[in-house]
Amino acid sequence: MRVYLPATTSVLRTLVDEGRLAGPHTAFAVTPQLREFYARSDAEADQEELEYAALLTAARASLRLLDIDPTAVRRRVVLAADVPDDQVVAMDDPHVERGAVRVGADVRMRDVASAHIDGSEAEDDVRAAVNVVLEADLGSEDAQFVVDQAEGHELAWYATQELGPALELL
């Protein structure tokens, strides 16, 4: 199953250096709950659009990780990984994001299909969003506006062989 794992540049460094990220992990995927939501709100959504929605939810979760990782570069990071289906359990809980899953296995470099990382132009907006993301989660419209500014930046796509060199440039 393809999952989208929220990360930071520190997590990415661990993956590159050690070749794996020890599980378990919270990630996002195209789950029945996500499909059901989109069936009601956008019946025309195809698999690619659902995967993009899961990726964007992981990008929001990356902001929360940045909030607790002061050493990470202020850029959102999402890892797209293919993990065994039997290691993925959907979180069917109304208090978590649609598409949230628990991955019981380690995520190894060979499982990673790609990484998605903010460009340098996003850093100021991401820094501001990190400072208020929890307030946005609690319903603050002003904080949500700041988070929306960060989420307006497209994440760049990186192949796995580009991850080491990309980290060196940060």
C-alpha atoms as a PDB file:
ATOM      1  CA  MET A   1       0.000   0.000   0.000  1.00  0.00           C
ATOM      2  CA  ARG A   2       1.235   3.498  -0.789  1.00  0.00           C
ATOM      3  CA  VAL A   3       1.430   5.614   2.345  1.00  0.00           C
ATOM      4  CA  TYR A   4       2.439   9.224   2.841  1.00  0.00           C
ATOM      5  CA  LEU A   5       4.639   9.633   5.872  1.00  0.00           C
ATOM      6  CA  PRO A   6       4.960  13.129   7.369  1.00  0.00           C
ATOM      7  CA  ALA A   7       8.573  13.965   8.161  1.00  0.00           C
ATOM      8  CA  THR A   8      11.118  16.711   8.740  1.00  0.00           C
ATOM      9  CA  THR A   9      14.592  17.229   7.338  1.00  0.00           C
ATOM     10  CA  SER A  10      15.919  15.588  10.544  1.00  0.00           C
ATOM     11  CA  VAL A  11      13.825  12.482   9.854  1.00  0.00           C
ATOM     12  CA  LEU A  12      14.977  12.522   6.241  1.00  0.00           C
ATOM     13  CA  ARG A  13      18.612  12.689   7.427  1.00  0.00           C
ATOM     14  CA  THR A  14      18.015   9.587   9.582  1.00  0.00           C
ATOM     15  CA  LEU A  15      16.538   7.748   6.618  1.00  0.00           C
ATOM     16  CA  VAL A  16      19.483   8.645   4.378  1.00  0.00           C
ATOM     17  CA  ASP A  17      22.123   7.860   7.026  1.00  0.00           C
ATOM     18  CA  GLU A  18      20.608   4.687   8.484  1.00  0.00           C
ATOM     19  CA  GLY A  19      18.621   3.402   5.522  1.00  0.00           C
ATOM     20  CA  ARG A  20      15.438   2.978   7.547  1.00  0.00           C
ATOM     21  CA  LEU A  21      12.988   4.624   9.917  1.00  0.00           C
ATOM     22  CA  ALA A  22      11.997   2.380  12.813  1.00  0.00           C
ATOM     23  CA  GLY A  23       8.261   1.748  13.079  1.00  0.00           C
ATOM     24  CA  PRO A  24       5.553   2.130  14.043  1.00  0.00           C
ATOM     25  CA  HIS A  25       4.533   5.242  12.135  1.00  0.00           C
ATOM     26  CA  THR A  26       1.478   7.393  11.700  1.00  0.00           C
ATOM     27  CA  ALA A  27       0.977   8.039   8.000  1.00  0.00           C
ATOM     28  CA  PHE A  28      -1.789   8.827   5.531  1.00  0.00           C
ATOM     29  CA  ALA A  29      -3.202   6.736   2.704  1.00  0.00           C
ATOM     30  CA  VAL A  30      -6.252   6.228   0.546  1.00  0.00           C
ATOM     31  CA  THR A  31      -8.451   4.508   3.131  1.00  0.00           C
ATOM     32  CA  PRO A  32     -12.123   3.570   2.942  1.00  0.00           C
ATOM     33  CA  GLN A  33     -12.892   6.606   5.133  1.00  0.00           C
ATOM     34  CA  LEU A  34     -11.080   8.928   2.715  1.00  0.00           C
ATOM     35  CA  ARG A  35     -12.834   7.352  -0.269  1.00  0.00           C
ATOM     36  CA  GLU A  36     -16.228   7.683   1.432  1.00  0.00           C
ATOM     37  CA  PHE A  37     -15.631  11.362   2.230  1.00  0.00           C
ATOM     38  CA  TYR A  38     -14.666  12.133  -1.366  1.00  0.00           C
ATOM     39  CA  ALA A  39     -17.545  10.046  -2.728  1.00  0.00           C
ATOM     40  CA  ARG A  40     -19.857  12.497  -0.944  1.00  0.00           C
ATOM     41  CA  SER A  41     -17.947  15.730  -1.605  1.00  0.00           C
ATOM     42  CA  ASP A  42     -16.317  15.046  -5.001  1.00  0.00           C
ATOM     43  CA  ALA A  43     -17.713  11.925  -6.611  1.00  0.00           C
ATOM     44  CA  GLU A  44     -15.464  12.435  -9.648  1.00  0.00           C
ATOM     45  CA  ALA A  45     -12.228  12.152  -7.614  1.00  0.00           C
ATOM     46  CA  ASP A  46      -9.981   9.437  -9.038  1.00  0.00           C
ATOM     47  CA  GLN A  47      -7.174   7.464  -7.346  1.00  0.00           C
ATOM     48  CA  GLU A  48      -4.550  10.097  -8.174  1.00  0.00           C
ATOM     49  CA  GLU A  49      -6.643  12.871  -6.604  1.00  0.00           C
ATOM     50  CA  LEU A  50      -7.225  10.757  -3.491  1.00  0.00           C
ATOM     51  CA  GLU A  51      -3.491  10.092  -3.184  1.00  0.00           C
ATOM     52  CA  TYR A  52      -2.819  13.819  -3.536  1.00  0.00           C
ATOM     53  CA  ALA A  53      -5.308  14.491  -0.724  1.00  0.00           C
ATOM     54  CA  ALA A  54      -3.460  11.988   1.491  1.00  0.00           C
ATOM     55  CA  LEU A  55      -0.140  13.659   0.609  1.00  0.00           C
ATOM     56  CA  LEU A  56      -1.498  17.094   1.543  1.00  0.00           C
ATOM     57  CA  THR A  57      -2.773  15.769   4.867  1.00  0.00           C
ATOM     58  CA  ALA A  58       0.697  14.362   5.536  1.00  0.00           C
ATOM     59  CA  ALA A  59       2.172  17.765   4.666  1.00  0.00           C
ATOM     60  CA  ARG A  60      -0.060  19.371   7.323  1.00  0.00           C
ATOM     61  CA  ALA A  61       1.143  16.747   9.806  1.00  0.00           C
ATOM     62  CA  SER A  62       4.716  17.659   8.871  1.00  0.00           C
ATOM     63  CA  LEU A  63       4.024  21.149  10.240  1.00  0.00           C
ATOM     64  CA  ARG A  64       3.131  19.564  13.585  1.00  0.00           C
ATOM     65  CA  LEU A  65       6.383  17.572  13.548  1.00  0.00           C
ATOM     66  CA  LEU A  66       8.351  20.734  12.822  1.00  0.00           C
ATOM     67  CA  ASP A  67       6.749  22.280  15.902  1.00  0.00           C
ATOM     68  CA  ILE A  68       8.550  19.699  18.070  1.00  0.00           C
ATOM     69  CA  ASP A  69      11.803  19.553  16.047  1.00  0.00           C
ATOM     70  CA  PRO A  70      13.558  22.920  16.429  1.00  0.00           C
ATOM     71  CA  THR A  71      16.700  21.675  14.642  1.00  0.00           C
ATOM     72  CA  ALA A  72      14.915  20.824  11.382  1.00  0.00           C
ATOM     73  CA  VAL A  73      14.972  23.179   8.414  1.00  0.00           C
ATOM     74  CA  ARG A  74      11.602  24.920   8.194  1.00  0.00           C
ATOM     75  CA  ARG A  75      10.331  22.966   5.210  1.00  0.00           C
ATOM     76  CA  ARG A  76       7.578  20.389   5.075  1.00  0.00           C
ATOM     77  CA  VAL A  77       8.701  16.886   4.108  1.00  0.00           C
ATOM     78  CA  VAL A  78       6.522  13.957   3.042  1.00  0.00           C
ATOM     79  CA  LEU A  79       7.820  10.508   2.130  1.00  0.00           C
ATOM     80  CA  ALA A  80       5.779   8.381  -0.274  1.00  0.00           C
ATOM     81  CA  ALA A  81       6.456   4.748   0.584  1.00  0.00           C
ATOM     82  CA  ASP A  82       5.106   1.361  -0.438  1.00  0.00           C
ATOM     83  CA  VAL A  83       4.652  -0.908   2.567  1.00  0.00           C
ATOM     84  CA  PRO A  84       3.037  -4.353   2.957  1.00  0.00           C
ATOM     85  CA  ASP A  85      -0.754  -4.136   3.209  1.00  0.00           C
ATOM     86  CA  ASP A  86      -0.759  -6.291   6.326  1.00  0.00           C
ATOM     87  CA  GLN A  87       1.381  -3.676   8.112  1.00  0.00           C
ATOM     88  CA  VAL A  88      -1.155  -0.869   7.564  1.00  0.00           C
ATOM     89  CA  VAL A  89      -4.206  -0.334   9.760  1.00  0.00           C
ATOM     90  CA  ALA A  90      -6.659   2.492   9.096  1.00  0.00           C
ATOM     91  CA  MET A  91      -7.467   4.689  12.083  1.00  0.00           C
ATOM     92  CA  ASP A  92     -11.225   4.691  12.070  1.00  0.00           C
ATOM     93  CA  ASP A  93     -11.590   7.444  14.658  1.00  0.00           C
ATOM     94  CA  PRO A  94     -13.630  10.628  14.215  1.00  0.00           C
ATOM     95  CA  HIS A  95     -10.902  12.572  16.085  1.00  0.00           C
ATOM     96  CA  VAL A  96      -8.147  11.909  13.540  1.00  0.00           C
ATOM     97  CA  GLU A  97      -7.721  13.043   9.950  1.00  0.00           C
ATOM     98  CA  ARG A  98      -9.395  11.037   7.186  1.00  0.00           C
ATOM     99  CA  GLY A  99      -6.835   8.715   5.686  1.00  0.00           C
ATOM    100  CA  ALA A 100      -4.774   8.349   8.867  1.00  0.00           C
ATOM    101  CA  VAL A 101      -3.147   4.931   9.214  1.00  0.00           C
ATOM    102  CA  ARG A 102      -0.703   3.150  11.518  1.00  0.00           C
ATOM    103  CA  VAL A 103       2.198   1.455   9.797  1.00  0.00           C
ATOM    104  CA  GLY A 104       3.588  -1.294  12.010  1.00  0.00           C
ATOM    105  CA  ALA A 105       6.739  -1.945   9.996  1.00  0.00           C
ATOM    106  CA  ASP A 106       9.982  -0.055   9.607  1.00  0.00           C
ATOM    107  CA  VAL A 107      10.125   2.113   6.499  1.00  0.00           C
ATOM    108  CA  ARG A 108      13.304   1.309   4.615  1.00  0.00           C
ATOM    109  CA  MET A 109      14.931   3.428   1.941  1.00  0.00           C
ATOM    110  CA  ARG A 110      14.016   0.785  -0.639  1.00  0.00           C
ATOM    111  CA  ASP A 111      10.335   1.215   0.339  1.00  0.00           C
ATOM    112  CA  VAL A 112      10.422   4.945  -0.424  1.00  0.00           C
ATOM    113  CA  ALA A 113       9.161   5.847  -3.883  1.00  0.00           C
ATOM    114  CA  SER A 114       9.795   9.587  -3.575  1.00  0.00           C
ATOM    115  CA  ALA A 115      10.110  12.501  -1.203  1.00  0.00           C
ATOM    116  CA  HIS A 116       8.210  15.760  -1.397  1.00  0.00           C
ATOM    117  CA  ILE A 117       9.948  18.799   0.105  1.00  0.00           C
ATOM    118  CA  ASP A 118       9.188  22.510   0.242  1.00  0.00           C
ATOM    119  CA  GLY A 119      11.471  24.825  -1.697  1.00  0.00           C
ATOM    120  CA  SER A 120      13.427  27.625  -0.044  1.00  0.00           C
ATOM    121  CA  GLU A 121      10.728  30.162  -0.966  1.00  0.00           C
ATOM    122  CA  ALA A 122       8.343  28.430   1.464  1.00  0.00           C
ATOM    123  CA  GLU A 123      10.551  28.681   4.553  1.00  0.00           C
ATOM    124  CA  ASP A 124       9.174  31.964   5.942  1.00  0.00           C
ATOM    125  CA  ASP A 125       5.571  30.838   5.483  1.00  0.00           C
ATOM    126  CA  VAL A 126       6.309  27.390   6.951  1.00  0.00           C
ATOM    127  CA  ARG A 127       8.094  28.963   9.937  1.00  0.00           C
ATOM    128  CA  ALA A 128       5.041  31.151  10.603  1.00  0.00           C
ATOM    129  CA  ALA A 129       2.659  28.196  10.175  1.00  0.00           C
ATOM    130  CA  VAL A 130       4.636  26.005  12.565  1.00  0.00           C
ATOM    131  CA  ASN A 131       4.133  28.652  15.243  1.00  0.00           C
ATOM    132  CA  VAL A 132       0.328  28.538  14.930  1.00  0.00           C
ATOM    133  CA  VAL A 133      -0.592  25.110  13.496  1.00  0.00           C
ATOM    134  CA  LEU A 134      -1.927  23.846  16.814  1.00  0.00           C
ATOM    135  CA  GLU A 135      -4.110  26.953  17.159  1.00  0.00           C
ATOM    136  CA  ALA A 136      -5.410  26.307  13.622  1.00  0.00           C
ATOM    137  CA  ASP A 137      -6.205  22.723  14.622  1.00  0.00           C
ATOM    138  CA  LEU A 138      -8.272  24.126  17.484  1.00  0.00           C
ATOM    139  CA  GLY A 139     -10.292  26.349  15.151  1.00  0.00           C
ATOM    140  CA  SER A 140      -8.554  29.721  15.077  1.00  0.00           C
ATOM    141  CA  GLU A 141      -9.398  31.382  11.762  1.00  0.00           C
ATOM    142  CA  ASP A 142      -6.418  33.744  12.019  1.00  0.00           C
ATOM    143  CA  ALA A 143      -4.065  30.823  12.586  1.00  0.00           C
ATOM    144  CA  GLN A 144      -5.697  28.888   9.749  1.00  0.00           C
ATOM    145  CA  PHE A 145      -4.978  31.794   7.411  1.00  0.00           C
ATOM    146  CA  VAL A 146      -1.270  31.579   8.301  1.00  0.00           C
ATOM    147  CA  VAL A 147      -1.269  27.790   7.776  1.00  0.00           C
ATOM    148  CA  ASP A 148      -3.038  28.234   4.435  1.00  0.00           C
ATOM    149  CA  GLN A 149      -0.180  30.501   3.313  1.00  0.00           C
ATOM    150  CA  ALA A 150       2.310  27.673   3.921  1.00  0.00           C
ATOM    151  CA  GLU A 151       0.039  25.090   2.349  1.00  0.00           C
ATOM    152  CA  GLY A 152      -0.184  27.251  -0.764  1.00  0.00           C
ATOM    153  CA  HIS A 153       3.370  26.242  -1.671  1.00  0.00           C
ATOM    154  CA  GLU A 154       3.736  23.175  -3.870  1.00  0.00           C
ATOM    155  CA  LEU A 155       6.064  20.480  -2.611  1.00  0.00           C
ATOM    156  CA  ALA A 156       8.929  19.583  -4.954  1.00  0.00           C
ATOM    157  CA  TRP A 157       9.338  15.935  -5.977  1.00  0.00           C
ATOM    158  CA  TYR A 158      12.601  14.094  -5.336  1.00  0.00           C
ATOM    159  CA  ALA A 159      13.650  10.599  -6.369  1.00  0.00           C
ATOM    160  CA  THR A 160      15.319   8.548  -3.644  1.00  0.00           C
ATOM    161  CA  GLN A 161      18.776   8.887  -5.216  1.00  0.00           C
ATOM    162  CA  GLU A 162      18.411  12.674  -4.935  1.00  0.00           C
ATOM    163  CA  LEU A 163      17.723  12.746  -1.190  1.00  0.00           C
ATOM    164  CA  GLY A 164      21.323  12.872   0.037  1.00  0.00           C
ATOM    165  CA  PRO A 165      22.317  15.680  -2.357  1.00  0.00           C
ATOM    166  CA  ALA A 166      19.058  17.541  -1.573  1.00  0.00           C
ATOM    167  CA  LEU A 167      19.834  17.461   2.149  1.00  0.00           C
ATOM    168  CA  GLU A 168      23.318  18.820   1.503  1.00  0.00           C
ATOM    169  CA  LEU A 169      21.768  21.850  -0.211  1.00  0.00           C
ATOM    170  CA  LEU A 170      19.505  22.723   2.738  1.00  0.00           C
END
